[in-house]
Structures are given as structure tokens and as C-alpha cells.
């Protein structure tokens, strides 16, 4: 059975392992994940099945709670195809909507077809393609979704 829940401090090593597997040299260092854990409050979620963390979602709100940013989403390859990423996103969207967030933003690599498919299904649209978003010559699509009116 899959459970989506707020991450606990003891989950950070598993989140780091997933992040490192999926993003390699671009993954967050463990100390950064610890800082995100401290500052994101309820917005670091994990997906757990059989006592194993198999995915995570990291997001954050601006100070006025009007804009949300979906910062990172990862699911272990062995658990893909089970809509775990979509369930993490749905839980995050519900949290953001409950806070009264008006719009959500995310960035995704233009070649990440699976991610773009999930985001589009959840109502995100491409706002622009930024050729050097992370200042490392890596392109990203900036996508957004209205949450509340």
C-alpha cells in the first residue's frame, strides 16, 4: 500500500539516494536537503510502500502564500508507472490549494517527456523555454498552473 506523508528527518538519506540516482551530479547535497527540510515545513513529502521511501516531492511557498514552487520530484525507477509522481503532485496541489495559493510554478527539462506528461495532465502549461535557466547551459521549460481564482 502506498502512503504519501510529510517527510521526517529520518527520511532524508532515502530522499538523497533517490535524488542522487535520478539527478547525478545535479542532485542536492544532503546538507541542502536538511536545510530544505527545516525551511519548507510541510512541503517535503515522501511516498512510502512496504516501509521503503520510493519517491519524494519538494515544494515551497512565497512569503505571501500566493505563489508556490514545485522544486523537485523523484520516483525510484523500479516504482515508475504506478502514478506515484502524480500522487505526490496531487497531495502537494491539495496542500497549496488549502493555503490559498493562486499559482504554482515548476521547471522541467524539455526532454523529460514523462514529467511533462504528468504536469500537463495536472493542468500545467508551458509559459516559456529558458535556454540557460540554471546558468549551466541547461534548458528548462517554465510551467505554471492556476490553483485558486
Protein backbone atom coordinates (compact mmCIF):
# COMPACT_ATOMS: atom_id res chain seq x y z
CA UNK A 1 0.00 0.00 0.00
CA UNK A 2 1.30 3.43 -0.95
CA UNK A 3 1.34 6.20 1.63
CA UNK A 4 2.03 9.86 0.88
CA UNK A 5 3.17 11.69 4.02
CA UNK A 6 5.22 14.56 5.31
CA UNK A 7 8.90 13.66 5.37
CA UNK A 8 10.60 13.01 8.67
CA UNK A 9 14.22 13.80 9.41
CA UNK A 10 14.99 10.07 9.22
CA UNK A 11 13.76 10.05 5.57
CA UNK A 12 16.40 12.47 4.29
CA UNK A 13 19.01 9.83 3.45
CA UNK A 14 16.44 7.96 1.35
CA UNK A 15 15.41 11.21 -0.36
CA UNK A 16 19.09 11.95 -1.05
CA UNK A 17 19.60 8.45 -2.50
CA UNK A 18 16.63 8.90 -4.88
CA UNK A 19 17.77 12.40 -5.83
CA UNK A 20 21.35 11.21 -6.48
CA UNK A 21 20.18 8.24 -8.55
CA UNK A 22 17.94 10.41 -10.73
CA UNK A 23 19.91 13.64 -10.98
CA UNK A 24 23.53 12.52 -10.51
CA UNK A 25 25.95 15.42 -10.22
CA UNK A 26 22.99 17.83 -10.19
CA UNK A 27 21.43 16.27 -7.09
CA UNK A 28 21.04 18.22 -3.88
CA UNK A 29 23.77 17.70 -1.27
CA UNK A 30 22.46 16.15 1.94
CA UNK A 31 23.11 19.36 3.90
CA UNK A 32 20.91 21.29 1.43
CA UNK A 33 18.14 18.72 1.81
CA UNK A 34 18.44 19.18 5.58
CA UNK A 35 18.06 22.95 5.14
CA UNK A 36 15.05 22.44 2.85
CA UNK A 37 13.58 20.15 5.50
CA UNK A 38 13.95 22.93 8.07
CA UNK A 39 12.52 25.73 5.91
CA UNK A 40 9.86 24.04 3.79
CA UNK A 41 7.69 22.92 6.67
CA UNK A 42 5.02 20.57 5.40
CA UNK A 43 6.16 20.78 1.78
CA UNK A 44 8.64 17.92 1.67
CA UNK A 45 6.52 14.84 1.04
CA UNK A 46 7.57 11.23 0.61
CA UNK A 47 5.87 8.26 -0.99
CA UNK A 48 6.35 5.09 1.02
CA UNK A 49 5.44 1.50 0.30
CA UNK A 50 6.39 -1.55 2.32
CA UNK A 51 8.39 0.64 4.71
CA UNK A 52 10.57 1.97 1.86
CA UNK A 53 10.66 5.56 0.65
CA UNK A 54 10.22 5.25 -3.12
CA UNK A 55 9.61 8.87 -4.08
CA UNK A 56 9.61 12.44 -2.85
CA UNK A 57 8.24 15.89 -3.70
CA UNK A 58 9.81 19.14 -2.54
CA UNK A 59 7.96 22.43 -2.86
CA UNK A 60 7.83 25.86 -1.27
CA UNK A 61 5.60 28.93 -0.93
CA UNK A 62 6.47 32.60 -1.26
CA UNK A 63 6.06 34.78 1.84
CA UNK A 64 2.57 35.94 0.86
CA UNK A 65 1.37 32.37 0.16
CA UNK A 66 0.29 33.41 -3.34
CA UNK A 67 2.93 31.60 -5.41
CA UNK A 68 4.11 28.04 -4.95
CA UNK A 69 7.18 26.46 -6.46
CA UNK A 70 7.46 22.74 -7.12
CA UNK A 71 11.20 22.30 -6.74
CA UNK A 72 11.89 18.61 -7.17
CA UNK A 73 10.05 15.37 -7.80
CA UNK A 74 11.64 11.94 -7.91
CA UNK A 75 10.44 8.34 -8.01
CA UNK A 76 12.69 5.29 -8.00
CA UNK A 77 12.81 3.71 -11.48
CA UNK A 78 11.56 0.36 -10.15
CA UNK A 79 8.38 2.09 -8.96
CA UNK A 80 7.58 4.13 -12.05
CA UNK A 81 4.40 3.54 -13.98
CA UNK A 82 2.36 3.37 -10.75
CA UNK A 83 1.41 7.07 -10.83
CA UNK A 84 3.43 7.75 -7.67
CA UNK A 85 4.72 11.03 -9.08
CA UNK A 86 1.20 12.06 -9.93
CA UNK A 87 0.01 11.17 -6.41
CA UNK A 88 2.82 13.21 -4.86
CA UNK A 89 1.87 16.11 -7.11
CA UNK A 90 -1.82 15.79 -6.23
CA UNK A 91 -1.03 15.83 -2.50
CA UNK A 92 1.13 18.92 -2.97
CA UNK A 93 -1.58 20.63 -5.04
CA UNK A 94 -4.10 19.94 -2.28
CA UNK A 95 -1.77 21.47 0.32
CA UNK A 96 -1.16 24.52 -1.81
CA UNK A 97 -4.86 24.98 -2.56
CA UNK A 98 -5.65 24.77 1.17
CA UNK A 99 -3.16 27.62 1.75
CA UNK A 100 -4.86 29.78 -0.88
CA UNK A 101 -2.01 29.74 -3.38
CA UNK A 102 -3.07 31.38 -6.63
CA UNK A 103 -0.47 29.90 -8.99
CA UNK A 104 2.12 27.14 -8.98
CA UNK A 105 5.36 27.12 -10.95
CA UNK A 106 7.86 24.45 -11.87
CA UNK A 107 10.71 23.91 -14.26
CA UNK A 108 11.38 20.76 -16.24
CA UNK A 109 13.98 19.75 -18.83
CA UNK A 110 12.42 19.83 -22.32
CA UNK A 111 13.49 16.18 -22.85
CA UNK A 112 11.69 14.93 -19.72
CA UNK A 113 8.68 13.60 -21.61
CA UNK A 114 7.30 11.63 -18.65
CA UNK A 115 7.47 14.65 -16.34
CA UNK A 116 5.92 16.99 -18.88
CA UNK A 117 3.12 14.46 -19.42
CA UNK A 118 2.34 14.35 -15.67
CA UNK A 119 2.44 18.12 -15.34
CA UNK A 120 0.25 18.67 -18.40
CA UNK A 121 -2.30 16.13 -17.14
CA UNK A 122 -2.43 18.09 -13.88
CA UNK A 123 -3.20 21.34 -15.67
CA UNK A 124 0.25 22.92 -16.05
CA UNK A 125 1.04 24.81 -19.23
CA UNK A 126 4.36 25.94 -20.63
CA UNK A 127 4.98 29.66 -20.09
CA UNK A 128 8.39 29.82 -21.74
CA UNK A 129 11.54 27.88 -22.55
CA UNK A 130 14.63 29.29 -20.86
CA UNK A 131 17.86 28.25 -22.58
CA UNK A 132 20.14 28.74 -19.55
CA UNK A 133 17.79 28.55 -16.55
CA UNK A 134 20.32 27.20 -14.04
CA UNK A 135 23.22 29.20 -15.51
CA UNK A 136 24.85 25.96 -16.69
CA UNK A 137 23.67 25.95 -20.34
CA UNK A 138 20.85 23.55 -19.42
CA UNK A 139 17.43 24.45 -20.87
CA UNK A 140 14.23 24.30 -18.85
CA UNK A 141 10.57 24.79 -19.56
CA UNK A 142 8.90 27.11 -17.08
CA UNK A 143 5.38 25.78 -16.49
CA UNK A 144 2.56 27.15 -14.36
CA UNK A 145 -0.92 26.24 -13.17
CA UNK A 146 -3.70 28.35 -11.67
CA UNK A 147 -4.74 26.92 -8.33
CA UNK A 148 -7.31 29.37 -6.98
CA UNK A 149 -9.05 32.30 -8.60
